[in-house]
């Protein structure tokens, strides 16, 4: 195979490929074996027509299309590898020629990754703040822990007070007509939570438990549902029970009961270390982002629109996966946000452009600095994944190969090594 590469405008490359006649003849033979299976001619059994008879009856061109389907994909892949280009789109195949005992030719025009003119990417001075863990942060975590293990208990008194949890039955009316969805039984409402219509909770303070319902007058806010916005309403409310939140005492016994630690001090020290580690991890990523952004700002690149669209596709796919984990699909999300996918893509285009540019810069730095990922590092990564998932390494490797994810993993590891290089040199 011979390849001639010509660089065109707009990050495009033209590959003119010539394929040896021996390979052409083999492809024509394969095409014949495929085509003849379904051919019928008087005097011959189905699938048993000799090639010369087939070509004489239907013309030699009868095999050309299938032979080209065999030749072009594999030779295009070889041509891409030999010419050292990185396509970012499907090629346009043109000028193909094929004939028995002759070299075949075709041309492929394809958009490729743009050249990156790197600027400065080392020696930046990035300000790093000292990381600390305040006692207030630890106290907030302890309060959350107490809150998680709090319980509601009935109280002896009859009157409702601020902070109580009241068990009520209620039914709402506007101009004497029941409100759709405006009723409930055994509803638990925290007084002061602001969960109900403004004024409703305040009206319950001081009232007592009784079988006869109270009548509470309220006005729906102007920004409420359009059918009820600004309207006066009457709620018939029966107070059935009053409860208080019992917060457990914060001591060694409580910590030993609800955590894996025996004492309060052990819990606090562990939380302090984990929070410090979390803050350091977060700061590290912020610093890395700032370094990458500076390196990208110093580089000159004409980012192809195709790469921006691909980045938007990746962002959309990631968002869809995150939403799916919450039981929400994309259509529902867009409907709730009053957005179309086209509007979302327009809103996020600048982010996608910045990410695409940063990815190109990282790849260019990796190439310039000779940063690579060895087979041993791939094996170590697969072994780590296998250990974490409690599976055999060969199973993991087979899965990655079957899914075509080994190259993607290798690329990701190379980018991680490049980011490590940037962090160490800034």
Protein backbone atom coordinates (compact mmCIF):
# COMPACT_ATOMS: atom_id res chain seq x y z
CA UNK A 1 0.00 0.00 0.00
CA UNK A 2 1.18 3.52 -0.82
CA UNK A 3 -0.17 6.72 0.75
CA UNK A 4 0.18 10.31 -0.39
CA UNK A 5 -0.85 12.92 2.18
CA UNK A 6 -1.91 16.45 1.25
CA UNK A 7 -2.81 19.05 3.86
CA UNK A 8 -5.87 21.12 2.99
CA UNK A 9 -7.46 24.21 4.54
CA UNK A 10 -9.63 23.99 7.64
CA UNK A 11 -7.70 21.22 9.45
CA UNK A 12 -8.44 18.79 6.62
CA UNK A 13 -6.15 16.21 5.07
CA UNK A 14 -6.46 14.29 1.81
CA UNK A 15 -5.04 10.77 1.66
CA UNK A 16 -4.53 9.21 -1.77
CA UNK A 17 -4.20 5.46 -1.30
CA UNK A 18 -2.90 2.84 -3.75
CA UNK A 19 -3.49 -0.86 -2.98
CA UNK A 20 -1.39 -3.66 -4.50
CA UNK A 21 -3.01 -5.81 -7.17
CA UNK A 22 -2.53 -9.03 -5.15
CA UNK A 23 -4.67 -7.67 -2.33
CA UNK A 24 -7.22 -6.44 -4.89
CA UNK A 25 -7.52 -9.89 -6.45
CA UNK A 26 -8.00 -11.51 -3.03
CA UNK A 27 -10.74 -8.97 -2.19
CA UNK A 28 -12.48 -9.76 -5.52
CA UNK A 29 -12.34 -13.46 -4.65
CA UNK A 30 -13.88 -12.77 -1.24
CA UNK A 31 -16.55 -10.63 -2.89
CA UNK A 32 -17.32 -13.46 -5.35
CA UNK A 33 -17.75 -15.98 -2.52
CA UNK A 34 -20.15 -13.62 -0.83
CA UNK A 35 -22.17 -12.60 -3.88
CA UNK A 36 -22.54 -16.05 -5.46
CA UNK A 37 -24.37 -17.44 -2.42
CA UNK A 38 -27.58 -15.65 -3.36
CA UNK A 39 -27.28 -15.75 -7.17
CA UNK A 40 -29.36 -18.00 -9.42
CA UNK A 41 -28.94 -18.77 -13.14
CA UNK A 42 -30.66 -21.41 -15.28
CA UNK A 43 -28.48 -24.51 -15.51
CA UNK A 44 -26.66 -23.86 -12.24
CA UNK A 45 -27.49 -24.68 -8.68
CA UNK A 46 -27.95 -21.68 -6.37
CA UNK A 47 -24.57 -20.57 -5.10
CA UNK A 48 -22.68 -22.74 -7.63
CA UNK A 49 -22.25 -20.31 -10.52
CA UNK A 50 -18.60 -20.13 -11.70
CA UNK A 51 -17.02 -16.68 -11.35
CA UNK A 52 -16.33 -16.30 -15.09
CA UNK A 53 -19.96 -17.12 -15.88
CA UNK A 54 -21.17 -14.70 -13.22
CA UNK A 55 -18.98 -11.87 -14.55
CA UNK A 56 -19.91 -12.63 -18.16
CA UNK A 57 -23.62 -12.54 -17.30
CA UNK A 58 -23.66 -9.51 -14.98
CA UNK A 59 -20.39 -7.74 -15.82
CA UNK A 60 -17.14 -7.63 -13.84
CA UNK A 61 -18.53 -4.65 -11.90
CA UNK A 62 -20.89 -7.02 -10.05
CA UNK A 63 -18.05 -7.73 -7.58
CA UNK A 64 -16.54 -4.25 -7.35
CA UNK A 65 -18.82 -2.77 -4.69
CA UNK A 66 -18.34 -5.65 -2.25
CA UNK A 67 -14.61 -5.78 -2.92
CA UNK A 68 -14.30 -2.08 -2.16
CA UNK A 69 -16.27 -2.63 1.06
CA UNK A 70 -13.51 -5.06 2.02
CA UNK A 71 -10.55 -2.99 0.82
CA UNK A 72 -11.39 0.58 1.81
CA UNK A 73 -12.00 0.29 5.59
CA UNK A 74 -8.86 -1.67 6.39
CA UNK A 75 -6.63 0.30 4.03
CA UNK A 76 -8.03 3.60 5.25
CA UNK A 77 -7.09 2.54 8.80
CA UNK A 78 -3.60 1.62 7.63
CA UNK A 79 -3.27 4.92 5.77
CA UNK A 80 -4.28 6.88 8.87
CA UNK A 81 -1.70 5.06 10.98
CA UNK A 82 1.05 5.38 8.36
CA UNK A 83 0.43 9.12 7.78
CA UNK A 84 0.29 9.85 11.52
CA UNK A 85 -2.94 11.86 11.41
CA UNK A 86 -5.68 11.92 14.07
CA UNK A 87 -9.11 12.11 12.40
CA UNK A 88 -11.97 13.70 14.31
CA UNK A 89 -14.73 12.82 11.85
CA UNK A 90 -15.73 10.21 9.28
CA UNK A 91 -13.83 10.48 5.96
CA UNK A 92 -15.28 11.37 2.59
CA UNK A 93 -14.22 8.57 0.22
CA UNK A 94 -13.86 9.56 -3.42
CA UNK A 95 -12.08 8.69 -6.68
CA UNK A 96 -12.12 4.96 -6.08
CA UNK A 97 -10.99 2.66 -8.86
CA UNK A 98 -10.80 -1.13 -8.92
CA UNK A 99 -10.06 -3.71 -11.60
CA UNK A 100 -8.71 -7.27 -11.56
CA UNK A 101 -4.91 -7.60 -11.75
CA UNK A 102 -4.51 -3.84 -11.24
CA UNK A 103 -3.74 -1.68 -8.20
CA UNK A 104 -6.87 -0.14 -6.68
CA UNK A 105 -6.97 3.51 -5.67
CA UNK A 106 -9.16 5.76 -3.59
CA UNK A 107 -8.87 9.10 -1.84
CA UNK A 108 -10.09 10.00 1.64
CA UNK A 109 -10.65 13.56 2.79
CA UNK A 110 -11.00 13.92 6.54
CA UNK A 111 -10.89 16.58 9.27
CA UNK A 112 -8.08 16.05 11.75
CA UNK A 113 -7.00 17.42 15.11
CA UNK A 114 -5.50 20.87 14.67
CA UNK A 115 -1.88 21.76 15.30
CA UNK A 116 -1.26 23.29 18.72
CA UNK A 117 1.26 26.07 19.13
CA UNK A 118 2.19 25.81 22.77
CA UNK A 119 3.16 28.81 24.85
CA UNK A 120 4.50 28.76 28.40
CA UNK A 121 3.12 25.89 30.50
CA UNK A 122 5.65 25.62 33.33
CA UNK A 123 6.95 28.05 35.93
CA UNK A 124 3.57 29.50 36.88
CA UNK A 125 3.22 30.79 40.44
CA UNK A 126 -0.14 29.72 41.82
CA UNK A 127 -1.33 30.96 45.21
CA UNK A 128 -2.23 28.16 47.57
CA UNK A 129 -4.18 28.94 50.75
CA UNK A 130 -3.36 27.15 53.99
CA UNK A 131 -5.95 24.48 54.66
CA UNK A 132 -7.41 24.18 58.14
CA UNK A 133 -10.38 22.52 59.81
CA UNK A 134 -12.30 24.75 62.20
CA UNK A 135 -13.96 23.48 65.37
CA UNK A 136 -17.22 24.93 64.02
CA UNK A 137 -17.09 22.50 61.08
CA UNK A 138 -16.66 19.58 63.46
CA UNK A 139 -19.51 20.82 65.65
CA UNK A 140 -21.76 21.12 62.57
CA UNK A 141 -21.03 17.50 61.68
CA UNK A 142 -21.81 16.38 65.22
CA UNK A 143 -25.09 18.32 65.12
CA UNK A 144 -25.99 16.61 61.83
CA UNK A 145 -25.24 13.25 63.43
CA UNK A 146 -27.49 14.09 66.37
CA UNK A 147 -30.20 15.27 63.99
CA UNK A 148 -30.03 12.03 61.99
CA UNK A 149 -30.63 10.01 65.15
CA UNK A 150 -33.25 12.26 66.69
CA UNK A 151 -36.73 10.87 67.30
CA UNK A 152 -40.16 12.38 67.71
CA UNK A 153 -41.92 11.75 71.02
CA UNK A 154 -45.40 12.77 72.22
CA UNK A 155 -45.60 15.54 74.82
CA UNK A 156 -47.96 15.86 77.79
CA UNK A 157 -49.10 19.44 77.13
CA UNK A 158 -52.11 20.22 74.95
CA UNK A 159 -51.11 23.51 73.26
CA UNK A 160 -48.96 23.83 70.13
CA UNK A 161 -45.65 25.70 70.46
CA UNK A 162 -43.02 26.87 68.00
CA UNK A 163 -40.72 23.98 67.02
CA UNK A 164 -43.34 21.30 67.73
CA UNK A 165 -44.20 18.57 65.26
CA UNK A 166 -47.99 18.31 65.04
CA UNK A 167 -49.97 15.44 63.57
CA UNK A 168 -52.98 16.93 61.75
CA UNK A 169 -55.82 16.19 59.36
CA UNK A 170 -56.63 19.12 57.08
CA UNK A 171 -58.84 20.06 54.15
CA UNK A 172 -58.63 23.32 52.21
CA UNK A 173 -61.45 25.32 50.55
CA UNK A 174 -61.58 28.31 48.22
CA UNK A 175 -64.99 30.01 48.02
CA UNK A 176 -66.50 26.94 49.62
CA UNK A 177 -65.09 24.52 47.04
CA UNK A 178 -62.52 21.87 48.06
CA UNK A 179 -58.99 22.51 46.77
CA UNK A 180 -57.72 19.76 44.48
CA UNK A 181 -54.90 17.99 46.34
CA UNK A 182 -55.48 20.28 49.33
CA UNK A 183 -56.23 17.67 51.96
CA UNK A 184 -54.35 15.04 53.99
CA UNK A 185 -54.67 12.82 57.03
CA UNK A 186 -52.07 12.10 59.72
CA UNK A 187 -49.84 14.78 58.22
CA UNK A 188 -46.76 15.63 60.33
CA UNK A 189 -45.92 19.35 60.20
CA UNK A 190 -43.00 21.05 61.93
CA UNK A 191 -44.10 24.42 63.25
CA UNK A 192 -41.64 27.03 62.00
CA UNK A 193 -40.35 24.95 59.07
CA UNK A 194 -42.05 27.16 56.49
CA UNK A 195 -43.18 24.06 54.60
CA UNK A 196 -46.80 25.17 54.43
CA UNK A 197 -48.59 28.25 53.07
CA UNK A 198 -47.34 31.48 54.76
CA UNK A 199 -49.32 32.15 57.92
CA UNK A 200 -50.68 28.62 58.30
CA UNK A 201 -48.12 27.36 60.82
CA UNK A 202 -48.27 30.56 62.89
CA UNK A 203 -52.06 30.20 63.23
CA UNK A 204 -51.62 26.78 64.85
CA UNK A 205 -49.43 28.10 67.70
CA UNK A 206 -51.41 28.12 70.95
CA UNK A 207 -54.17 25.83 69.68
CA UNK A 208 -54.92 22.59 71.53
CA UNK A 209 -55.59 18.97 70.67
CA UNK A 210 -59.30 18.39 70.05
CA UNK A 211 -61.61 16.33 67.87
CA UNK A 212 -63.44 19.34 66.43
CA UNK A 213 -61.54 20.98 63.53
CA UNK A 214 -60.27 24.56 63.66
CA UNK A 215 -60.77 26.92 60.74
CA UNK A 216 -57.56 28.62 59.59
CA UNK A 217 -57.78 31.58 57.18
CA UNK A 218 -54.84 32.06 54.79
CA UNK A 219 -54.08 33.75 51.49
CA UNK A 220 -52.11 31.98 48.78
CA UNK A 221 -48.97 33.86 47.63
CA UNK A 222 -49.07 35.69 44.29
CA UNK A 223 -46.35 33.42 42.91
CA UNK A 224 -48.26 30.23 43.80
CA UNK A 225 -49.95 27.91 41.32
CA UNK A 226 -51.87 30.11 38.86
CA UNK A 227 -55.23 28.58 39.83
CA UNK A 228 -54.74 29.56 43.49
CA UNK A 229 -52.36 32.54 43.34
CA UNK A 230 -53.56 35.42 45.55
CA UNK A 231 -56.79 33.68 46.57
CA UNK A 232 -58.18 33.51 50.10
CA UNK A 233 -58.64 30.04 51.51
CA UNK A 234 -60.04 28.33 54.60
CA UNK A 235 -58.42 25.19 55.99
CA UNK A 236 -60.29 22.92 58.40
CA UNK A 237 -57.57 21.50 60.65
CA UNK A 238 -57.86 18.82 63.31
CA UNK A 239 -54.94 18.68 65.74
CA UNK A 240 -54.50 15.04 66.73
CA UNK A 241 -51.11 14.87 68.42
CA UNK A 242 -48.21 17.09 69.45
CA UNK A 243 -44.64 15.79 69.35
CA UNK A 244 -41.22 17.13 70.23
CA UNK A 245 -37.90 16.18 68.71
CA UNK A 246 -35.72 14.33 71.19
CA UNK A 247 -32.05 14.96 70.38
CA UNK A 248 -29.64 12.34 71.77
CA UNK A 249 -26.97 13.55 74.16
CA UNK A 250 -23.55 13.90 72.57
CA UNK A 251 -21.22 11.62 74.52
CA UNK A 252 -19.04 8.51 74.20
CA UNK A 253 -22.01 6.20 74.62
CA UNK A 254 -23.90 7.83 71.72
CA UNK A 255 -20.81 7.74 69.44
CA UNK A 256 -20.15 4.10 70.29
CA UNK A 257 -23.77 3.23 69.46
CA UNK A 258 -24.11 4.99 66.07
CA UNK A 259 -20.54 4.91 64.64
CA UNK A 260 -17.56 2.55 64.44
CA UNK A 261 -15.72 4.64 67.04
CA UNK A 262 -15.76 4.12 70.81
CA UNK A 263 -15.27 7.70 71.97
CA UNK A 264 -16.31 11.19 70.94
CA UNK A 265 -12.67 12.29 70.63
CA UNK A 266 -11.85 9.39 68.29
CA UNK A 267 -14.77 10.34 66.08
CA UNK A 268 -13.79 14.02 66.02
CA UNK A 269 -10.16 13.25 65.17
CA UNK A 270 -11.17 10.92 62.34
CA UNK A 271 -13.61 13.45 60.93
CA UNK A 272 -10.96 16.20 61.15
CA UNK A 273 -8.52 14.06 59.14
CA UNK A 274 -11.11 13.09 56.52
CA UNK A 275 -12.30 16.69 56.11
CA UNK A 276 -8.72 17.90 55.80
CA UNK A 277 -8.04 15.25 53.15
CA UNK A 278 -11.23 16.26 51.30
CA UNK A 279 -10.22 19.94 51.34
CA UNK A 280 -6.70 19.12 50.13
CA UNK A 281 -8.15 17.01 47.30
CA UNK A 282 -10.50 19.83 46.33
CA UNK A 283 -7.71 22.42 46.45
CA UNK A 284 -5.45 20.20 44.37
CA UNK A 285 -8.07 19.99 41.62
CA UNK A 286 -8.64 23.75 41.74
CA UNK A 287 -4.90 24.37 41.37
CA UNK A 288 -4.66 21.88 38.51
CA UNK A 289 -7.60 23.55 36.75
CA UNK A 290 -5.90 26.94 37.12
CA UNK A 291 -2.61 25.63 35.71
CA UNK A 292 -4.34 23.96 32.75
CA UNK A 293 -6.35 27.12 32.08
CA UNK A 294 -3.16 29.24 32.06
CA UNK A 295 -1.43 26.78 29.71
CA UNK A 296 -4.45 26.85 27.39
CA UNK A 297 -4.55 30.65 27.43
CA UNK A 298 -0.91 30.74 26.34
CA UNK A 299 -1.48 28.33 23.44
CA UNK A 300 -2.74 29.12 19.96
CA UNK A 301 -5.28 26.66 18.52
CA UNK A 302 -8.08 26.81 16.01
CA UNK A 303 -10.52 24.37 17.68
CA UNK A 304 -12.68 22.62 15.04
CA UNK A 305 -16.43 22.87 15.50
CA UNK A 306 -16.63 19.08 15.30
CA UNK A 307 -14.56 18.79 18.49
CA UNK A 308 -16.79 21.31 20.27
CA UNK A 309 -19.86 19.29 19.27
CA UNK A 310 -18.21 16.06 20.43
CA UNK A 311 -17.45 17.66 23.79
CA UNK A 312 -21.08 18.78 24.06
CA UNK A 313 -22.13 15.19 23.31
CA UNK A 314 -19.87 13.95 26.14
CA UNK A 315 -21.26 16.54 28.55
CA UNK A 316 -24.82 15.64 27.62
CA UNK A 317 -24.13 11.92 28.04
CA UNK A 318 -22.57 12.52 31.47
CA UNK A 319 -25.54 14.63 32.54
CA UNK A 320 -27.95 11.94 31.32
CA UNK A 321 -26.13 9.30 33.39
CA UNK A 322 -26.21 11.51 36.49
CA UNK A 323 -29.92 12.19 36.02
CA UNK A 324 -30.63 8.50 35.42
CA UNK A 325 -29.05 7.65 38.78
CA UNK A 326 -31.72 9.94 40.29
CA UNK A 327 -34.52 8.34 38.28
CA UNK A 328 -34.88 11.27 35.86
CA UNK A 329 -34.59 11.13 32.07
CA UNK A 330 -33.30 13.91 29.83
CA UNK A 331 -36.69 14.76 28.32
CA UNK A 332 -38.18 15.25 31.79
CA UNK A 333 -35.21 17.41 32.82
CA UNK A 334 -35.47 19.64 29.76
CA UNK A 335 -39.23 19.96 30.25
CA UNK A 336 -38.76 20.92 33.92
CA UNK A 337 -36.08 23.47 32.98
CA UNK A 338 -38.23 24.78 30.13
CA UNK A 339 -35.32 24.12 27.75
CA UNK A 340 -34.75 22.35 24.46
CA UNK A 341 -31.60 20.33 23.80
CA UNK A 342 -30.58 22.91 21.19
CA UNK A 343 -30.89 25.72 23.76
CA UNK A 344 -28.88 23.66 26.29
CA UNK A 345 -26.13 23.10 23.72
CA UNK A 346 -26.03 26.81 22.92
CA UNK A 347 -25.83 27.71 26.64
CA UNK A 348 -22.95 25.25 27.21
CA UNK A 349 -21.00 25.83 24.01
CA UNK A 350 -18.36 28.09 25.63
CA UNK A 351 -17.69 25.46 28.32
CA UNK A 352 -17.32 22.75 25.66
CA UNK A 353 -14.98 24.96 23.62
CA UNK A 354 -12.79 25.59 26.67
CA UNK A 355 -12.66 21.87 27.53
CA UNK A 356 -11.83 20.90 23.94
CA UNK A 357 -9.01 23.45 23.86
CA UNK A 358 -7.63 22.28 27.20
CA UNK A 359 -7.68 18.63 26.05
CA UNK A 360 -5.73 19.54 22.92
CA UNK A 361 -3.18 21.47 24.98
CA UNK A 362 -2.70 18.55 27.40
CA UNK A 363 -2.17 16.16 24.47
CA UNK A 364 0.35 18.55 22.90
CA UNK A 365 2.27 18.88 26.20
CA UNK A 366 2.31 15.09 26.58
CA UNK A 367 3.72 14.74 23.07
CA UNK A 368 6.36 17.44 23.59
CA UNK A 369 7.46 16.06 26.97
CA UNK A 370 7.41 12.43 25.80
CA UNK A 371 4.83 11.41 28.39
CA UNK A 372 3.61 7.87 27.71
CA UNK A 373 1.83 5.06 29.51
CA UNK A 374 3.64 1.72 29.53
CA UNK A 375 2.08 -1.74 29.26
CA UNK A 376 3.19 -2.35 32.85
CA UNK A 377 1.23 0.71 34.03
CA UNK A 378 -1.84 -0.54 32.15
CA UNK A 379 -1.49 -3.91 33.88
CA UNK A 380 -1.14 -2.23 37.28
CA UNK A 381 -4.28 -0.17 36.64
CA UNK A 382 -6.26 -3.25 35.58
CA UNK A 383 -5.04 -5.10 38.68
CA UNK A 384 -6.16 -2.18 40.85
CA UNK A 385 -9.61 -2.19 39.24
CA UNK A 386 -9.83 -5.98 39.64
CA UNK A 387 -8.95 -5.76 43.34
CA UNK A 388 -11.47 -2.98 43.98
CA UNK A 389 -14.25 -4.90 42.22
CA UNK A 390 -13.16 -8.27 43.68
CA UNK A 391 -12.83 -9.83 40.22
CA UNK A 392 -10.16 -11.72 38.31
CA UNK A 393 -7.80 -9.45 36.36
CA UNK A 394 -8.31 -11.46 33.15
CA UNK A 395 -12.06 -10.88 33.44
CA UNK A 396 -11.50 -7.15 33.81
CA UNK A 397 -9.07 -7.07 30.89
CA UNK A 398 -11.50 -9.04 28.73
CA UNK A 399 -14.33 -6.67 29.60
CA UNK A 400 -12.27 -3.58 28.69
CA UNK A 401 -11.16 -5.18 25.43
CA UNK A 402 -14.69 -6.26 24.53
CA UNK A 403 -16.01 -2.75 25.22
CA UNK A 404 -13.13 -1.17 23.30
CA UNK A 405 -12.16 0.84 26.39
CA UNK A 406 -8.48 -0.04 26.75
CA UNK A 407 -7.32 2.81 24.51
CA UNK A 408 -9.67 5.21 26.27
CA UNK A 409 -8.26 4.14 29.64
CA UNK A 410 -4.70 4.50 28.35
CA UNK A 411 -5.46 8.01 27.08
CA UNK A 412 -7.00 8.97 30.41
CA UNK A 413 -3.93 7.70 32.28
CA UNK A 414 -1.66 9.70 29.96
CA UNK A 415 -3.67 12.86 30.67
CA UNK A 416 -3.38 12.19 34.42
CA UNK A 417 0.41 11.85 34.10
CA UNK A 418 0.51 15.09 32.10
CA UNK A 419 -1.46 16.91 34.79
CA UNK A 420 0.92 15.50 37.42
CA UNK A 421 3.82 16.86 35.35
CA UNK A 422 2.22 20.30 35.21
CA UNK A 423 1.53 20.35 38.95
CA UNK A 424 5.13 19.35 39.72
CA UNK A 425 6.54 22.03 37.40
CA UNK A 426 4.44 24.96 38.54
